[in-house]
Amino acid sequence: MLQFPVMEVEGYRLRRRRDPSLPAAPRSVPWSLVAAHEAQALRNHYQTVERLAQRGGLSPAELVAVLEDRPWTSMAAPAAIERLTDLVVEFEAVDPDGVLRPEVVEQLRESLHRPASELLSPDEMRQRLDLPEGD
């Protein structure tokens, strides 16, 4: 699957080494997710999605703004990374017709019958959906 690159936030990798509880940033996201928001990418960056990818992609905060079809505003790196991860998980959970994928439905059904202590963490859900964990 074609991927759109996510730029590393300067100094974030070192911060994560010091504080492993910070969320891992994805290195890339599905191209089709970003391509669907090309008009916002042009408004925010005056460049096509293809050109942005050639130049190394976007930071998590810039990418969140594009995916939410809004102008860029400053976001703390952990908040931007968590929101970006949520947007990717939501995108990956549905098929092109907007219907939840069967494996996601099954995981949801299973989780409804589990005690709260056994529910999947966000990292476990990303792993089951085979999404990159990042760095």
N, C-alpha and C. Protein backbone atom coordinates (compact mmCIF):
# COMPACT_ATOMS: atom_id res chain seq x y z
N MET A 1 0.85 -1.18 0.00
CA MET A 1 0.00 0.00 0.00
C MET A 1 0.90 1.25 0.00
N LEU A 2 0.57 2.19 -0.86
CA LEU A 2 1.32 3.45 -0.94
C LEU A 2 1.13 4.25 0.33
N GLN A 3 2.22 4.80 0.84
CA GLN A 3 2.21 5.51 2.12
C GLN A 3 2.67 6.96 1.95
N PHE A 4 2.12 7.84 2.80
CA PHE A 4 2.52 9.24 2.85
C PHE A 4 3.44 9.40 4.06
N PRO A 5 4.62 10.02 3.88
CA PRO A 5 5.56 10.12 5.01
C PRO A 5 5.13 11.13 6.07
N VAL A 6 5.44 10.80 7.31
CA VAL A 6 5.21 11.70 8.45
C VAL A 6 6.59 12.13 8.94
N MET A 7 6.79 13.45 8.99
CA MET A 7 8.07 13.98 9.45
C MET A 7 8.23 13.76 10.96
N GLU A 8 9.46 13.53 11.34
CA GLU A 8 9.76 13.39 12.76
C GLU A 8 9.74 14.77 13.40
N VAL A 9 9.17 14.85 14.58
CA VAL A 9 9.15 16.10 15.34
C VAL A 9 10.51 16.25 15.99
N GLU A 10 11.15 17.38 15.74
CA GLU A 10 12.50 17.61 16.25
C GLU A 10 12.58 17.40 17.76
N GLY A 11 13.51 16.56 18.17
CA GLY A 11 13.73 16.31 19.58
C GLY A 11 12.76 15.33 20.23
N TYR A 12 11.72 14.90 19.49
CA TYR A 12 10.70 14.05 20.10
C TYR A 12 11.22 12.65 20.41
N ARG A 13 12.07 12.12 19.55
CA ARG A 13 12.61 10.78 19.78
C ARG A 13 13.38 10.74 21.10
N LEU A 14 14.17 11.76 21.34
CA LEU A 14 14.91 11.84 22.61
C LEU A 14 13.96 11.97 23.79
N ARG A 15 12.90 12.78 23.64
CA ARG A 15 11.90 12.90 24.71
C ARG A 15 11.26 11.57 25.01
N ARG A 16 10.98 10.77 23.97
CA ARG A 16 10.36 9.45 24.17
C ARG A 16 11.31 8.50 24.88
N ARG A 17 12.60 8.61 24.60
CA ARG A 17 13.56 7.75 25.31
C ARG A 17 13.56 8.06 26.80
N ARG A 18 13.40 9.33 27.11
CA ARG A 18 13.37 9.74 28.52
C ARG A 18 12.02 9.42 29.16
N ASP A 19 10.97 9.48 28.37
CA ASP A 19 9.62 9.25 28.89
C ASP A 19 8.88 8.29 27.95
N PRO A 20 9.04 6.98 28.14
CA PRO A 20 8.43 5.99 27.24
C PRO A 20 6.90 6.02 27.22
N SER A 21 6.28 6.74 28.15
CA SER A 21 4.82 6.81 28.14
C SER A 21 4.30 7.72 27.02
N LEU A 22 5.18 8.51 26.40
CA LEU A 22 4.75 9.36 25.28
C LEU A 22 4.40 8.47 24.10
N PRO A 23 3.39 8.88 23.30
CA PRO A 23 2.97 8.03 22.18
C PRO A 23 4.03 7.98 21.07
N ALA A 24 4.12 6.83 20.43
CA ALA A 24 5.03 6.66 19.29
C ALA A 24 4.42 7.30 18.06
N ALA A 25 5.25 7.98 17.30
CA ALA A 25 4.78 8.65 16.08
C ALA A 25 4.86 7.68 14.90
N PRO A 26 3.80 7.64 14.09
CA PRO A 26 3.89 6.81 12.87
C PRO A 26 4.90 7.43 11.91
N ARG A 27 5.56 6.60 11.15
CA ARG A 27 6.50 7.09 10.14
C ARG A 27 5.79 7.42 8.83
N SER A 28 4.61 6.81 8.65
CA SER A 28 3.83 7.07 7.45
C SER A 28 2.37 6.72 7.72
N VAL A 29 1.50 7.21 6.83
CA VAL A 29 0.07 6.92 6.90
C VAL A 29 -0.40 6.54 5.51
N PRO A 30 -1.56 5.90 5.38
CA PRO A 30 -2.03 5.51 4.05
C PRO A 30 -2.17 6.72 3.12
N TRP A 31 -1.64 6.56 1.92
CA TRP A 31 -1.70 7.62 0.93
C TRP A 31 -3.14 8.04 0.65
N SER A 32 -4.02 7.06 0.52
CA SER A 32 -5.41 7.37 0.18
C SER A 32 -6.10 8.22 1.25
N LEU A 33 -5.68 8.09 2.50
CA LEU A 33 -6.23 8.92 3.56
C LEU A 33 -5.88 10.39 3.32
N VAL A 34 -4.64 10.66 2.99
CA VAL A 34 -4.18 12.03 2.78
C VAL A 34 -4.69 12.57 1.45
N ALA A 35 -4.65 11.75 0.41
CA ALA A 35 -5.07 12.20 -0.92
C ALA A 35 -6.52 12.70 -0.93
N ALA A 36 -7.34 12.13 -0.07
CA ALA A 36 -8.75 12.56 0.00
C ALA A 36 -8.88 13.99 0.51
N HIS A 37 -7.80 14.55 1.06
CA HIS A 37 -7.81 15.90 1.63
C HIS A 37 -6.84 16.82 0.88
N GLU A 38 -6.64 16.53 -0.40
CA GLU A 38 -5.70 17.31 -1.22
C GLU A 38 -6.03 18.80 -1.23
N ALA A 39 -7.31 19.13 -1.31
CA ALA A 39 -7.70 20.55 -1.35
C ALA A 39 -7.21 21.29 -0.10
N GLN A 40 -7.33 20.64 1.07
CA GLN A 40 -6.87 21.29 2.30
C GLN A 40 -5.34 21.38 2.32
N ALA A 41 -4.67 20.36 1.80
CA ALA A 41 -3.21 20.41 1.72
C ALA A 41 -2.77 21.60 0.86
N LEU A 42 -3.47 21.82 -0.25
CA LEU A 42 -3.16 22.96 -1.10
C LEU A 42 -3.41 24.28 -0.38
N ARG A 43 -4.52 24.36 0.36
CA ARG A 43 -4.82 25.59 1.09
C ARG A 43 -3.77 25.85 2.19
N ASN A 44 -3.39 24.81 2.90
CA ASN A 44 -2.47 25.00 4.02
C ASN A 44 -1.01 25.16 3.59
N HIS A 45 -0.62 24.47 2.51
CA HIS A 45 0.80 24.40 2.17
C HIS A 45 1.12 24.83 0.75
N TYR A 46 0.12 25.15 -0.03
CA TYR A 46 0.31 25.60 -1.43
C TYR A 46 1.07 24.58 -2.25
N GLN A 47 0.90 23.29 -1.91
CA GLN A 47 1.57 22.21 -2.62
C GLN A 47 0.63 21.01 -2.68
N THR A 48 0.80 20.20 -3.71
CA THR A 48 0.00 18.98 -3.82
C THR A 48 0.48 17.96 -2.80
N VAL A 49 -0.34 16.96 -2.56
CA VAL A 49 0.04 15.86 -1.67
C VAL A 49 1.30 15.19 -2.20
N GLU A 50 1.36 15.00 -3.51
CA GLU A 50 2.53 14.37 -4.11
C GLU A 50 3.79 15.19 -3.85
N ARG A 51 3.71 16.49 -4.03
CA ARG A 51 4.88 17.35 -3.81
C ARG A 51 5.28 17.35 -2.33
N LEU A 52 4.30 17.40 -1.44
CA LEU A 52 4.60 17.35 -0.01
C LEU A 52 5.33 16.05 0.34
N ALA A 53 4.89 14.95 -0.24
CA ALA A 53 5.54 13.66 0.01
C ALA A 53 6.97 13.67 -0.51
N GLN A 54 7.18 14.25 -1.69
CA GLN A 54 8.53 14.34 -2.26
C GLN A 54 9.46 15.14 -1.35
N ARG A 55 8.89 16.09 -0.63
CA ARG A 55 9.68 16.96 0.25
C ARG A 55 9.80 16.41 1.67
N GLY A 56 9.31 15.18 1.89
CA GLY A 56 9.48 14.54 3.19
C GLY A 56 8.22 14.41 4.01
N GLY A 57 7.08 14.88 3.50
CA GLY A 57 5.81 14.73 4.20
C GLY A 57 5.46 15.93 5.05
N LEU A 58 4.67 15.68 6.07
CA LEU A 58 4.21 16.71 6.99
C LEU A 58 4.46 16.26 8.42
N SER A 59 4.53 17.22 9.31
CA SER A 59 4.63 16.88 10.73
C SER A 59 3.28 16.34 11.19
N PRO A 60 3.23 15.66 12.32
CA PRO A 60 1.93 15.18 12.80
C PRO A 60 0.89 16.29 12.95
N ALA A 61 1.27 17.45 13.48
CA ALA A 61 0.31 18.55 13.66
C ALA A 61 -0.18 19.08 12.32
N GLU A 62 0.73 19.21 11.35
CA GLU A 62 0.33 19.69 10.02
C GLU A 62 -0.60 18.68 9.36
N LEU A 63 -0.29 17.40 9.51
CA LEU A 63 -1.10 16.36 8.90
C LEU A 63 -2.48 16.29 9.53
N VAL A 64 -2.57 16.43 10.83
CA VAL A 64 -3.87 16.44 11.50
C VAL A 64 -4.74 17.57 10.95
N ALA A 65 -4.16 18.76 10.79
CA ALA A 65 -4.92 19.89 10.26
C ALA A 65 -5.45 19.58 8.86
N VAL A 66 -4.62 18.99 8.01
CA VAL A 66 -5.06 18.62 6.66
C VAL A 66 -6.18 17.60 6.73
N LEU A 67 -6.01 16.56 7.55
CA LEU A 67 -7.00 15.49 7.63
C LEU A 67 -8.31 15.95 8.25
N GLU A 68 -8.25 16.99 9.07
CA GLU A 68 -9.47 17.54 9.68
C GLU A 68 -10.03 18.70 8.85
N ASP A 69 -9.45 18.93 7.67
CA ASP A 69 -9.90 19.98 6.74
C ASP A 69 -10.00 21.34 7.43
N ARG A 70 -8.91 21.73 8.08
CA ARG A 70 -8.88 23.02 8.77
C ARG A 70 -7.50 23.63 8.63
N PRO A 71 -7.38 24.94 8.88
CA PRO A 71 -6.06 25.56 8.85
C PRO A 71 -5.17 24.99 9.95
N TRP A 72 -3.86 25.05 9.73
CA TRP A 72 -2.91 24.56 10.71
C TRP A 72 -2.92 25.46 11.93
N THR A 73 -2.87 24.84 13.10
CA THR A 73 -2.66 25.53 14.36
C THR A 73 -1.65 24.70 15.15
N SER A 74 -0.94 25.34 16.01
CA SER A 74 0.08 24.65 16.81
C SER A 74 -0.58 23.61 17.71
N MET A 75 0.07 22.45 17.80
CA MET A 75 -0.38 21.37 18.69
C MET A 75 0.85 20.79 19.36
N ALA A 76 0.73 20.43 20.62
CA ALA A 76 1.82 19.72 21.29
C ALA A 76 2.04 18.40 20.57
N ALA A 77 3.29 17.99 20.44
CA ALA A 77 3.61 16.76 19.70
C ALA A 77 2.82 15.55 20.19
N PRO A 78 2.77 15.27 21.50
CA PRO A 78 2.01 14.08 21.93
C PRO A 78 0.53 14.14 21.53
N ALA A 79 -0.09 15.31 21.64
CA ALA A 79 -1.50 15.44 21.27
C ALA A 79 -1.69 15.24 19.78
N ALA A 80 -0.78 15.80 18.97
CA ALA A 80 -0.87 15.65 17.52
C ALA A 80 -0.68 14.19 17.11
N ILE A 81 0.26 13.52 17.73
CA ILE A 81 0.54 12.12 17.41
C ILE A 81 -0.65 11.24 17.80
N GLU A 82 -1.21 11.46 18.96
CA GLU A 82 -2.38 10.67 19.38
C GLU A 82 -3.56 10.91 18.44
N ARG A 83 -3.80 12.17 18.06
CA ARG A 83 -4.93 12.46 17.16
C ARG A 83 -4.68 11.85 15.79
N LEU A 84 -3.45 11.95 15.29
CA LEU A 84 -3.13 11.36 13.99
C LEU A 84 -3.34 9.85 14.04
N THR A 85 -2.90 9.21 15.09
CA THR A 85 -3.08 7.77 15.24
C THR A 85 -4.57 7.42 15.26
N ASP A 86 -5.37 8.19 15.98
CA ASP A 86 -6.82 7.96 16.01
C ASP A 86 -7.42 8.07 14.62
N LEU A 87 -7.00 9.10 13.86
CA LEU A 87 -7.54 9.28 12.50
C LEU A 87 -7.17 8.10 11.60
N VAL A 88 -5.96 7.60 11.73
CA VAL A 88 -5.54 6.45 10.92
C VAL A 88 -6.32 5.20 11.33
N VAL A 89 -6.47 4.98 12.62
CA VAL A 89 -7.23 3.81 13.09
C VAL A 89 -8.66 3.88 12.57
N GLU A 90 -9.29 5.04 12.67
CA GLU A 90 -10.66 5.21 12.16
C GLU A 90 -10.72 4.93 10.67
N PHE A 91 -9.74 5.44 9.92
CA PHE A 91 -9.70 5.23 8.47
C PHE A 91 -9.54 3.75 8.14
N GLU A 92 -8.65 3.08 8.85
CA GLU A 92 -8.37 1.67 8.58
C GLU A 92 -9.51 0.74 9.02
N ALA A 93 -10.36 1.22 9.93
CA ALA A 93 -11.42 0.38 10.48
C ALA A 93 -12.62 0.24 9.56
N VAL A 94 -12.71 1.06 8.51
CA VAL A 94 -13.86 1.00 7.61
C VAL A 94 -13.41 0.68 6.20
N ASP A 95 -14.31 0.05 5.45
CA ASP A 95 -14.01 -0.24 4.06
C ASP A 95 -14.33 0.99 3.21
N PRO A 96 -14.07 0.94 1.90
CA PRO A 96 -14.32 2.11 1.05
C PRO A 96 -15.77 2.59 1.04
N ASP A 97 -16.71 1.72 1.41
CA ASP A 97 -18.12 2.12 1.46
C ASP A 97 -18.51 2.69 2.82
N GLY A 98 -17.55 2.81 3.73
CA GLY A 98 -17.84 3.36 5.05
C GLY A 98 -18.40 2.36 6.03
N VAL A 99 -18.31 1.07 5.71
CA VAL A 99 -18.82 0.01 6.57
C VAL A 99 -17.65 -0.54 7.39
N LEU A 100 -17.91 -0.76 8.70
CA LEU A 100 -16.85 -1.34 9.54
C LEU A 100 -16.39 -2.67 8.96
N ARG A 101 -15.10 -2.85 8.93
CA ARG A 101 -14.53 -4.11 8.43
C ARG A 101 -14.94 -5.24 9.39
N PRO A 102 -15.19 -6.44 8.85
CA PRO A 102 -15.66 -7.56 9.69
C PRO A 102 -14.75 -7.85 10.87
N GLU A 103 -13.43 -7.77 10.68
CA GLU A 103 -12.52 -8.07 11.79
C GLU A 103 -12.65 -7.04 12.91
N VAL A 104 -12.97 -5.79 12.55
CA VAL A 104 -13.16 -4.75 13.57
C VAL A 104 -14.46 -5.01 14.33
N VAL A 105 -15.51 -5.38 13.57
CA VAL A 105 -16.79 -5.69 14.21
C VAL A 105 -16.62 -6.84 15.19
N GLU A 106 -15.89 -7.86 14.78
CA GLU A 106 -15.66 -9.02 15.66
C GLU A 106 -14.89 -8.60 16.91
N GLN A 107 -13.88 -7.77 16.75
CA GLN A 107 -13.12 -7.30 17.91
C GLN A 107 -14.01 -6.49 18.85
N LEU A 108 -14.89 -5.68 18.29
CA LEU A 108 -15.81 -4.90 19.11
C LEU A 108 -16.77 -5.82 19.86
N ARG A 109 -17.29 -6.82 19.15
CA ARG A 109 -18.20 -7.78 19.79
C ARG A 109 -17.51 -8.48 20.96
N GLU A 110 -16.28 -8.92 20.71
CA GLU A 110 -15.52 -9.60 21.76
C GLU A 110 -15.31 -8.67 22.95
N SER A 111 -15.00 -7.41 22.68
CA SER A 111 -14.70 -6.48 23.77
C SER A 111 -15.94 -6.16 24.60
N LEU A 112 -17.14 -6.26 24.01
CA LEU A 112 -18.37 -5.99 24.75
C LEU A 112 -18.62 -7.05 25.82
N HIS A 113 -18.05 -8.23 25.63
CA HIS A 113 -18.26 -9.32 26.56
C HIS A 113 -17.08 -9.56 27.48
N ARG A 114 -16.17 -8.60 27.52
CA ARG A 114 -14.99 -8.74 28.38
C ARG A 114 -15.08 -7.77 29.54
N PRO A 115 -14.48 -8.15 30.65
CA PRO A 115 -14.38 -7.18 31.75
C PRO A 115 -13.45 -6.04 31.32
N ALA A 116 -13.65 -4.86 31.89
CA ALA A 116 -12.86 -3.69 31.51
C ALA A 116 -11.36 -3.96 31.61
N SER A 117 -10.96 -4.78 32.56
CA SER A 117 -9.53 -5.06 32.74
C SER A 117 -8.94 -5.81 31.55
N GLU A 118 -9.79 -6.40 30.70
CA GLU A 118 -9.30 -7.17 29.56
C GLU A 118 -9.45 -6.44 28.24
N LEU A 119 -9.95 -5.21 28.23
CA LEU A 119 -10.14 -4.48 26.98
C LEU A 119 -8.80 -4.16 26.35
N LEU A 120 -8.80 -4.04 25.04
CA LEU A 120 -7.57 -3.74 24.32
C LEU A 120 -7.14 -2.31 24.56
N SER A 121 -5.84 -2.13 24.73
CA SER A 121 -5.30 -0.78 24.83
C SER A 121 -5.21 -0.22 23.40
N PRO A 122 -5.04 1.09 23.24
CA PRO A 122 -4.88 1.64 21.89
C PRO A 122 -3.72 1.00 21.14
N ASP A 123 -2.59 0.70 21.82
CA ASP A 123 -1.46 0.06 21.15
C ASP A 123 -1.81 -1.34 20.67
N GLU A 124 -2.57 -2.09 21.51
CA GLU A 124 -2.98 -3.44 21.11
C GLU A 124 -3.93 -3.38 19.91
N MET A 125 -4.83 -2.39 19.89
CA MET A 125 -5.75 -2.25 18.76
C MET A 125 -4.97 -1.93 17.49
N ARG A 126 -4.00 -1.02 17.58
CA ARG A 126 -3.17 -0.70 16.41
C ARG A 126 -2.45 -1.94 15.91
N GLN A 127 -1.94 -2.74 16.85
CA GLN A 127 -1.23 -3.95 16.48
C GLN A 127 -2.17 -4.94 15.77
N ARG A 128 -3.36 -5.12 16.31
CA ARG A 128 -4.32 -6.05 15.70
C ARG A 128 -4.77 -5.58 14.33
N LEU A 129 -4.84 -4.26 14.15
CA LEU A 129 -5.21 -3.71 12.84
C LEU A 129 -4.00 -3.60 11.92
N ASP A 130 -2.84 -4.03 12.41
CA ASP A 130 -1.59 -4.05 11.66
C ASP A 130 -1.19 -2.65 11.23
N LEU A 131 -1.32 -1.67 12.14
CA LEU A 131 -0.89 -0.30 11.87
C LEU A 131 0.52 -0.12 12.40
N PRO A 132 1.33 0.73 11.75
CA PRO A 132 2.68 0.94 12.26
C PRO A 132 2.66 1.59 13.62
N GLU A 133 3.55 1.14 14.49
CA GLU A 133 3.64 1.71 15.83
C GLU A 133 4.50 2.95 15.84
N GLY A 134 5.29 3.16 14.83
CA GLY A 134 6.17 4.32 14.80
C GLY A 134 7.45 4.03 15.56
N ASP A 135 8.07 5.09 16.01
CA ASP A 135 9.39 4.99 16.63
C ASP A 135 9.28 5.12 18.13
